[in-house]
Protein backbone atom coordinates (compact mmCIF):
# COMPACT_ATOMS: atom_id res chain seq x y z
CA MET A 1 -6.14 19.81 -28.86
CA LYS A 2 -9.43 21.51 -28.35
CA ASP A 3 -11.05 18.82 -26.22
CA LYS A 4 -8.45 17.70 -24.16
CA ILE A 5 -9.23 16.94 -20.59
CA ASN A 6 -6.90 18.22 -17.56
CA ALA A 7 -5.06 16.13 -15.31
CA LEU A 8 -6.97 16.72 -12.32
CA ASP A 9 -10.52 16.31 -14.05
CA LEU A 10 -8.93 12.93 -15.30
CA PHE A 11 -8.27 12.19 -11.57
CA TYR A 12 -11.67 12.91 -10.69
CA LYS A 13 -13.05 10.65 -13.16
CA ILE A 14 -10.67 7.84 -12.18
CA CYS A 15 -12.22 8.38 -8.63
CA GLU A 16 -15.69 7.83 -9.82
CA ILE A 17 -14.62 4.46 -10.98
CA PRO A 18 -14.16 1.69 -8.56
CA HIS A 19 -10.79 -0.07 -8.82
CA PRO A 20 -9.91 -1.80 -5.76
CA SER A 21 -7.11 -4.47 -6.09
CA SER A 22 -8.72 -7.69 -7.44
CA ASN A 23 -11.74 -5.56 -8.81
CA THR A 24 -10.28 -3.36 -11.38
CA GLU A 25 -12.01 -4.25 -14.71
CA LYS A 26 -14.13 -1.19 -15.11
CA LEU A 27 -11.11 1.17 -14.84
CA LYS A 28 -9.25 -1.07 -17.20
CA ASP A 29 -11.72 -0.45 -19.78
CA PHE A 30 -12.05 3.19 -19.42
CA ILE A 31 -8.17 3.44 -19.83
CA ILE A 32 -8.33 1.40 -22.94
CA SER A 33 -11.09 3.34 -24.19
CA PHE A 34 -9.49 6.61 -23.61
CA ALA A 35 -6.04 5.66 -25.11
CA LEU A 36 -7.68 4.30 -28.28
CA ARG A 37 -9.27 7.57 -28.69
CA GLN A 38 -5.85 9.24 -28.34
CA LYS A 39 -4.63 7.26 -31.23
CA CYS A 40 -2.40 4.80 -29.02
CA GLU A 41 -1.58 1.34 -29.93
CA VAL A 42 -2.95 -0.54 -27.13
CA LYS A 43 -2.10 -4.04 -25.70
CA SER A 44 -2.98 -5.92 -22.60
CA ASP A 45 -2.19 -9.35 -21.13
CA SER A 46 -3.99 -11.84 -19.28
CA PHE A 47 -3.01 -10.51 -16.00
CA GLY A 48 -4.67 -6.97 -16.70
CA ASN A 49 -1.54 -5.07 -17.56
CA ILE A 50 -1.86 -2.43 -20.21
CA HIS A 51 0.67 -1.09 -22.65
CA LEU A 52 0.18 2.21 -24.63
CA LEU A 53 2.50 3.30 -27.45
CA LYS A 54 2.47 6.06 -29.92
CA GLY A 55 5.67 6.65 -32.18
CA LYS A 56 9.29 6.33 -30.75
CA PRO A 57 9.37 7.51 -27.37
CA LYS A 58 12.70 7.60 -25.27
CA ILE A 59 10.97 7.09 -21.68
CA CYS A 60 8.25 4.69 -20.72
CA LEU A 61 6.02 5.95 -17.90
CA GLN A 62 4.93 3.39 -15.38
CA ALA A 63 2.32 3.30 -12.90
CA HIS A 64 -0.41 0.78 -11.69
CA TYR A 65 -4.08 1.37 -11.68
CA ASP A 66 -5.36 -0.70 -8.58
CA MET A 67 -5.86 1.28 -5.13
CA VAL A 68 -6.23 0.38 -1.61
CA LEU A 69 -9.83 0.97 -0.84
CA ILE A 70 -10.47 1.95 2.84
CA GLY A 71 -14.05 2.74 3.08
CA GLU A 72 -16.82 2.34 0.78
CA LYS A 73 -16.01 4.68 -2.24
CA VAL A 74 -13.83 7.54 -3.15
CA GLU A 75 -15.57 11.14 -2.84
CA PRO A 76 -12.53 13.55 -3.46
CA ILE A 77 -12.98 16.92 -1.77
CA ILE A 78 -10.51 19.91 -1.82
CA LYS A 79 -9.37 21.26 1.39
CA GLY A 80 -7.35 24.24 0.93
CA ASP A 81 -3.99 23.33 -0.98
CA PHE A 82 -4.91 19.60 -0.60
CA ILE A 83 -7.42 16.91 -2.03
CA THR A 84 -8.53 14.15 0.04
CA SER A 85 -11.90 11.96 0.06
CA LYS A 86 -14.68 12.50 2.45
CA ASP A 87 -14.63 9.21 4.12
CA SER A 88 -12.20 6.66 2.45
CA SER A 89 -8.73 6.46 1.06
CA LEU A 90 -8.10 8.86 -1.97
CA GLY A 91 -6.50 6.46 -4.43
CA ALA A 92 -3.92 9.15 -5.27
CA ASP A 93 -1.50 6.16 -4.83
CA ASN A 94 -1.59 5.60 -7.91
CA GLY A 95 -4.85 7.46 -9.58
CA ALA A 96 -2.34 10.64 -9.47
CA ALA A 97 0.24 9.06 -11.84
CA LEU A 98 -2.63 7.18 -13.87
CA SER A 99 -4.26 10.71 -14.54
CA ALA A 100 -0.83 12.25 -15.81
CA ILE A 101 -0.32 9.42 -18.11
CA LEU A 102 -3.77 9.88 -19.79
CA TYR A 103 -3.16 13.52 -19.72
CA PHE A 104 0.01 13.13 -21.79
CA SER A 105 -1.39 10.58 -24.21
CA GLN A 106 -3.48 13.30 -25.09
CA LEU A 107 -0.68 15.57 -26.10
CA LEU A 108 2.23 13.78 -27.37
CA ASP A 109 3.14 11.93 -30.42
CA ASN A 110 5.92 9.97 -28.99
CA PHE A 111 4.57 8.35 -25.93
CA GLU A 112 4.78 5.17 -24.22
CA ALA A 113 3.22 3.74 -20.63
CA ILE A 114 3.10 0.49 -18.96
CA ILE A 115 0.11 0.40 -16.60
CA THR A 116 0.10 -2.50 -14.09
CA ASN A 117 -2.46 -4.41 -12.43
CA ASP A 118 -2.69 -5.53 -8.93
CA GLU A 119 0.23 -3.86 -7.61
CA GLU A 120 -1.16 -3.42 -3.99
CA ILE A 121 -1.74 -6.94 -3.26
CA GLY A 122 1.71 -8.38 -4.42
CA MET A 123 3.20 -6.73 -7.41
CA ILE A 124 1.08 -9.36 -9.20
CA GLY A 125 0.90 -7.61 -12.78
CA ALA A 126 4.34 -6.48 -12.68
CA ASN A 127 5.81 -10.12 -11.84
CA ASN A 128 3.45 -11.67 -14.74
CA LEU A 129 4.18 -8.71 -17.14
CA ALA A 130 4.11 -10.10 -20.82
CA LEU A 131 4.11 -6.88 -22.66
CA LYS A 132 7.43 -5.59 -24.20
CA ILE A 133 8.66 -2.25 -23.42
CA GLN A 134 10.04 -0.08 -26.29
CA SER A 135 11.83 2.63 -24.60
CA LYS A 136 15.22 2.04 -22.74
CA GLN A 137 14.37 4.14 -19.76
CA ILE A 138 11.43 3.80 -17.51
CA LEU A 139 10.10 6.41 -15.08
CA ASN A 140 8.15 4.86 -12.30
CA LEU A 141 5.45 7.60 -11.05
CA ASP A 142 4.58 5.66 -7.78
CA SER A 143 6.57 7.85 -5.33
CA GLU A 144 5.05 9.97 -2.60
CA ASP A 145 7.35 13.02 -2.15
CA ILE A 146 7.89 15.80 -4.91
CA ASN A 147 11.32 16.41 -3.09
CA GLN A 148 12.20 12.95 -3.37
CA ILE A 149 13.93 11.37 -6.53
CA VAL A 150 13.79 7.72 -5.50
CA VAL A 151 16.62 5.47 -6.70
CA GLY A 152 15.96 2.41 -4.53
CA CYS A 153 13.04 0.56 -2.77
CA ALA A 154 12.20 -2.24 -0.18
CA GLY A 155 11.72 -5.73 -1.39
CA GLY A 156 9.11 -7.73 0.58
CA PHE A 157 6.92 -10.66 1.24
CA ASP A 158 3.83 -11.95 3.04
CA ALA A 159 4.18 -14.41 5.91
CA ASP A 160 0.80 -16.40 6.76
CA ILE A 161 0.58 -18.20 10.09
CA LYS A 162 -2.10 -20.87 10.87
CA LEU A 163 -3.55 -20.44 14.34
CA LYS A 164 -5.24 -23.55 14.49
CA PRO A 165 -7.53 -22.76 17.64
CA LYS A 166 -9.33 -25.73 19.36
CA PHE A 167 -12.87 -24.69 20.08
CA LYS A 168 -14.37 -26.41 23.05
CA LYS A 169 -17.50 -25.75 24.87
CA CYS A 170 -17.44 -22.24 26.48
CA LYS A 171 -18.18 -22.54 30.39
CA MET A 172 -17.74 -18.77 31.03
CA LYS A 173 -20.45 -16.67 32.07
CA TYR A 174 -19.76 -13.26 30.83
CA PHE A 175 -19.29 -12.04 27.30
CA TYR A 176 -17.60 -8.66 26.01
CA GLU A 177 -16.72 -7.15 22.82
CA LEU A 178 -13.45 -5.53 22.78
CA ARG A 179 -12.96 -3.02 19.82
CA CYS A 180 -10.08 -0.84 18.31
CA HIS A 181 -12.05 1.30 15.89
CA ASN A 182 -10.91 4.32 13.68
CA PHE A 183 -7.17 4.35 14.56
CA SER A 184 -5.10 6.36 11.98
CA GLY A 185 -3.84 3.57 9.97
CA GLY A 186 -1.25 4.27 7.12
CA HIS A 187 1.03 2.62 4.78
CA SER A 188 2.85 -0.41 6.22
CA GLY A 189 6.23 0.66 4.58
CA ILE A 190 6.38 4.69 4.54
CA ASP A 191 4.67 5.04 7.63
CA ILE A 192 6.10 2.13 9.77
CA ASN A 193 8.55 4.68 11.60
CA LYS A 194 5.78 6.91 12.73
CA ASN A 195 4.70 4.95 15.92
CA ILE A 196 1.09 4.56 14.40
CA PRO A 197 -0.65 2.50 16.79
CA ASN A 198 -1.54 -1.04 15.21
CA ALA A 199 -5.02 -1.99 16.06
CA ILE A 200 -4.45 -5.53 16.13
CA VAL A 201 -1.36 -5.32 18.29
CA GLU A 202 -3.24 -3.21 20.71
CA LEU A 203 -6.29 -5.41 20.86
CA VAL A 204 -4.19 -8.62 21.18
CA TRP A 205 -2.35 -7.16 24.20
CA ALA A 206 -5.69 -6.01 25.79
CA ILE A 207 -6.82 -9.76 25.53
CA TYR A 208 -3.36 -10.72 27.14
CA ASN A 209 -3.92 -8.74 30.06
CA ILE A 210 -7.71 -10.14 30.88
CA PRO A 211 -8.26 -13.74 32.18
CA CYS A 212 -10.48 -14.73 29.34
CA GLU A 213 -10.97 -17.10 26.35
CA ILE A 214 -11.56 -15.75 22.79
CA VAL A 215 -14.88 -16.39 20.87
CA SER A 216 -13.85 -14.55 17.91
CA ILE A 217 -11.03 -12.12 16.54
CA SER A 218 -10.87 -10.18 13.55
CA GLY A 219 -8.94 -7.10 12.34
CA GLY A 220 -6.90 -5.07 9.60
CA GLU A 221 -7.93 -3.96 6.26
CA LYS A 222 -5.19 -4.43 3.64
CA ARG A 223 -2.18 -6.56 3.64
CA ASN A 224 -0.14 -3.62 2.93
CA SER A 225 -1.78 -1.22 5.59
CA ILE A 226 -1.26 -0.59 9.25
CA PRO A 227 -4.65 -1.91 10.60
CA ALA A 228 -7.00 0.76 11.66
CA ASN A 229 -9.73 -1.42 13.10
CA ALA A 230 -9.67 -4.76 15.15
CA ARG A 231 -12.66 -6.45 17.10
CA ALA A 232 -12.74 -9.36 19.50
CA ILE A 233 -15.47 -11.16 21.58
CA ILE A 234 -14.15 -12.76 24.63
CA ALA A 235 -15.64 -14.66 27.51
CA THR A 236 -14.79 -14.25 31.01
CA LYS A 237 -15.61 -16.18 34.55
CA LYS A 238 -15.91 -12.84 36.34
CA PRO A 239 -17.36 -9.59 35.15
CA LEU A 240 -14.84 -7.13 33.99
CA LYS A 241 -14.91 -4.11 36.51
CA TYR A 242 -13.55 -1.62 33.72
CA ALA A 243 -16.04 -2.45 31.04
CA ASN A 244 -17.27 0.57 29.59
CA ASP A 245 -15.27 2.96 31.09
CA ASN A 246 -12.02 2.40 29.20
CA SER A 247 -9.83 2.11 32.21
CA ILE A 248 -7.78 -0.69 30.47
CA LYS A 249 -6.52 1.29 27.67
CA PRO A 250 -7.89 4.31 26.23
CA THR A 251 -7.77 3.05 22.71
CA ILE A 252 -9.89 -0.01 23.64
CA LYS A 253 -13.62 0.18 23.86
CA ILE A 254 -14.99 -2.62 25.98
CA THR A 255 -18.75 -3.47 25.93
CA LYS A 256 -20.58 -6.26 27.71
CA ILE A 257 -22.73 -8.52 25.34
CA ASN A 258 -26.06 -9.91 26.81
CA LYS A 259 -25.69 -13.01 24.87
CA ASN A 260 -24.23 -16.45 25.59
CA TYR A 261 -21.82 -18.32 23.17
CA LYS A 262 -21.45 -21.96 23.01
CA LYS A 263 -17.89 -22.20 21.98
CA SER A 264 -14.57 -20.54 22.81
CA PHE A 265 -10.55 -21.21 22.37
CA ASN A 266 -7.73 -20.56 24.51
CA LYS A 267 -5.96 -17.10 23.97
CA LYS A 268 -2.64 -18.87 23.89
CA VAL A 269 -3.38 -19.47 20.29
CA LEU A 270 -2.04 -15.85 19.83
CA LYS A 271 1.46 -16.19 21.00
CA ALA A 272 2.38 -15.60 17.17
CA ILE A 273 1.76 -12.00 18.03
CA TYR A 274 2.74 -11.59 21.46
CA SER A 275 6.36 -12.77 20.53
CA ILE A 276 6.45 -10.60 17.51
CA HIS A 277 7.50 -7.03 17.34
CA SER A 278 5.11 -5.11 14.51
CA GLY A 279 7.34 -2.25 13.61
CA VAL A 280 11.17 -1.05 12.61
CA TYR A 281 13.53 -3.69 12.71
CA GLU A 282 16.88 -2.04 11.41
CA MET A 283 17.73 1.57 10.31
CA CYS A 284 20.56 3.05 8.41
CA ASP A 285 21.35 6.63 7.99
CA ASN A 286 17.97 7.64 9.69
CA SER A 287 15.95 5.59 7.37
CA VAL A 288 14.05 2.27 7.96
CA ILE A 289 15.83 -0.74 6.17
CA SER A 290 14.03 -3.63 7.60
CA SER A 291 10.42 -3.97 9.10
CA LEU A 292 7.37 -6.09 9.79
CA ASN A 293 3.79 -5.30 9.91
CA ILE A 294 1.04 -7.50 11.46
CA SER A 295 -1.38 -6.70 8.78
CA LEU A 296 -4.66 -9.01 9.17
CA ILE A 297 -6.00 -11.37 11.66
CA ASN A 298 -8.99 -13.80 11.98
CA ASN A 299 -9.81 -16.95 13.98
CA LYS A 300 -7.59 -18.99 11.80
CA ASN A 301 -4.96 -16.94 10.33
CA ILE A 302 -2.50 -14.05 10.89
CA LYS A 303 -0.97 -12.33 7.83
CA MET A 304 2.05 -10.29 8.19
CA MET A 305 3.95 -8.21 5.65
CA ILE A 306 7.77 -7.91 5.71
CA ARG A 307 9.98 -5.40 3.93
CA ALA A 308 13.75 -4.87 3.53
CA ASN A 309 15.81 -2.75 1.35
CA ARG A 310 18.60 -5.13 1.37
CA LYS A 311 18.42 -8.51 -0.05
CA ASN A 312 20.27 -9.87 2.79
CA LEU A 313 18.08 -8.52 5.38
CA LEU A 314 15.05 -9.90 3.45
CA PHE A 315 16.32 -13.42 3.54
CA ARG A 316 17.18 -13.13 7.18
CA GLN A 317 13.67 -12.15 8.01
CA MET A 318 12.23 -14.89 6.24
CA GLU A 319 14.56 -17.64 7.67
CA SER A 320 13.97 -16.18 11.13
CA LEU A 321 10.12 -16.41 10.55
CA LYS A 322 10.47 -20.15 9.30
CA MET A 323 12.66 -21.02 12.44
CA ARG A 324 9.92 -19.61 14.66
CA PHE A 325 6.51 -20.70 13.40
CA LYS A 326 5.96 -24.25 11.87
CA ASN A 327 2.63 -23.25 10.45
CA ILE A 328 4.00 -20.57 7.93
CA LYS A 329 3.33 -19.83 4.23
CA ILE A 330 5.39 -17.50 2.42
CA SER A 331 4.17 -15.73 -0.64
CA GLY A 332 4.42 -12.76 -2.78
CA LEU A 333 8.26 -12.35 -2.62
CA TYR A 334 9.57 -9.68 -4.76
CA ASP A 335 13.35 -8.31 -4.33
CA ALA A 336 14.72 -5.17 -3.38
CA TRP A 337 15.49 -2.42 -5.85
CA GLU A 338 19.09 -1.16 -4.72
CA ARG A 339 20.62 2.19 -5.60
CA GLU A 340 22.60 2.74 -8.96
CA ASP A 341 23.42 5.91 -10.83
CA SER A 342 22.12 6.61 -14.29
CA ILE A 343 21.98 9.17 -17.36
CA LEU A 344 18.03 9.08 -16.52
CA LEU A 345 18.79 10.16 -12.75
CA LYS A 346 21.09 13.31 -13.91
CA ASN A 347 18.38 14.48 -16.38
CA ILE A 348 15.76 14.62 -13.82
CA GLU A 349 18.37 16.40 -11.29
CA GLN A 350 18.51 18.90 -13.98
CA VAL A 351 15.00 19.30 -14.31
CA TYR A 352 14.47 19.80 -10.73
CA ARG A 353 17.18 22.46 -10.71
CA ASN A 354 15.80 24.31 -13.75
CA GLN A 355 12.40 24.22 -11.76
CA LYS A 356 13.89 25.25 -8.68
CA ILE A 357 12.69 22.49 -6.61
CA ASP A 358 14.65 20.99 -3.65
CA TYR A 359 15.28 17.41 -3.67
CA GLU A 360 17.00 14.54 -2.27
CA ILE A 361 18.07 11.41 -3.68
CA VAL A 362 16.66 8.56 -1.69
CA GLU A 363 15.69 4.88 -1.06
CA ILE A 364 12.29 4.31 0.50
CA HIS A 365 10.86 1.72 2.71
CA ALA A 366 8.10 0.90 0.37
CA GLY A 367 7.60 -1.67 -2.47
CA LEU A 368 7.76 -0.10 -5.87
CA GLU A 369 7.71 -2.33 -9.04
CA CYS A 370 10.87 -1.00 -10.03
CA GLY A 371 12.83 -3.95 -8.74
CA ILE A 372 10.77 -6.34 -10.78
CA LEU A 373 10.72 -4.06 -13.99
CA ARG A 374 14.58 -3.05 -13.88
CA ALA A 375 15.31 -6.30 -15.74
CA LYS A 376 13.21 -4.88 -18.53
CA CYS A 377 14.99 -1.74 -19.12
CA ASP A 378 18.34 -0.15 -19.16
CA GLU A 379 17.60 2.46 -16.44
CA ILE A 380 14.67 3.10 -14.00
CA VAL A 381 14.03 5.94 -11.61
CA SER A 382 10.87 7.03 -9.63
CA ILE A 383 9.01 10.20 -8.71
CA GLY A 384 5.73 11.41 -7.68
CA PRO A 385 3.60 14.03 -6.22
CA THR A 386 3.51 14.56 -2.36
CA ILE A 387 0.84 12.14 -0.93
CA SER A 388 0.42 11.85 2.76
CA ASN A 389 -1.05 8.92 5.02
CA PRO A 390 -1.56 6.45 1.74
CA HIS A 391 -3.77 3.40 2.33
CA SER A 392 -5.91 5.42 5.02
CA LYS A 393 -8.97 7.42 5.35
CA ALA A 394 -6.50 10.58 6.04
CA GLU A 395 -5.02 10.19 2.58
CA SER A 396 -4.39 13.36 0.80
CA MET A 397 -2.44 14.96 -2.19
CA ASP A 398 -0.83 18.27 -2.17
CA LEU A 399 -2.17 20.00 -5.22
CA LYS A 400 0.65 22.21 -5.70
CA SER A 401 3.21 19.28 -5.72
CA PHE A 402 0.65 17.77 -8.20
CA ASN A 403 1.09 20.46 -10.68
CA GLN A 404 4.93 20.51 -10.06
CA PHE A 405 4.84 16.91 -11.06
CA LEU A 406 2.87 17.60 -14.47
CA GLU A 407 5.54 20.07 -15.37
CA ILE A 408 8.46 17.82 -14.58
CA LEU A 409 7.00 14.85 -16.59
CA GLU A 410 6.19 17.22 -19.51
CA ILE A 411 9.84 18.54 -19.65
CA LEU A 412 11.29 14.84 -19.42
CA ILE A 413 9.11 13.25 -22.12
CA SER A 414 8.94 15.87 -24.24
CA SER A 415 12.37 16.54 -24.91
């Protein structure tokens, strides 16, 4: 095909089209238009999921087309052997997979793909999928290490705790801004064991150590990201001696505000954070299998994301939180995908060996749509190129691994 577009150029095109979760319509239109030009049969459902089909394929490729956007817009740049973005998350999660799907839609007569919507905000598309998959095998393309073949993933849920602050007339004389800014951030599942500072946790514990009341507090970027930014305005009776010199904690910037605020509330309302560990809860064979991330905060609400690779641990986390907090709402529950062997797995292993790519078979501590889609097929496995620091401004993709990823896919779906 003379006018076929290579996969990396397709990735650049995807980066040009804004597609953060809940705002994906423009990218959906592009995908459908592109697939129709490749003579795919295209269907979509009311939740924005897209089904592409040609001929009689044996494997269905699966990815999602929304992204976690940290920053204003994606501007991809190549730095050595990696591609990153100028001042935002890159969206290689899952734009790399999407570009591969569109690339192969140009080349094959027997081809199938399911592209789901709003995966990053609770598996919404997959949970409501109303499109029939023809193939009996699904190859999910949402993993983030070329040297891993993924056969299991964490389930998860969101927990929202109502703070219910009681604002009263502020009698304090001094006002300060406390700010955690541009922490490294990261994926709340894959990166949870890296001891990445959580901006909300650091801010709240700074407040805990200061005699003060709170005027306002906010922080976090996305429900499934380790917070990189958080900010509060506090009121004190006496001047803070360490304002502007960062002596309280190097990661907290404290600035005096020359303004009076009329209302404030007691900092005890933050006890939900004081009493909860944000991080790893349980390990097995050096892998995280249970965790909690404090993701977002404002004056009225705290949002946490809980993950577990075992159904019993997920249930235990849920019940524990319900026991501790009365004002809690659980949402976005999806099951863990627990390991099973399959013919598809054996075929992928053989391709890796033939391509001389070192690999390990793993379960990951992140949410993949495999746990939901498993009921719609006989076998499912997940692979992907190497993506570092997803859901953060430091996100990057290894270009060599992207080429290896394309070679693996071509062998698997062309045979």
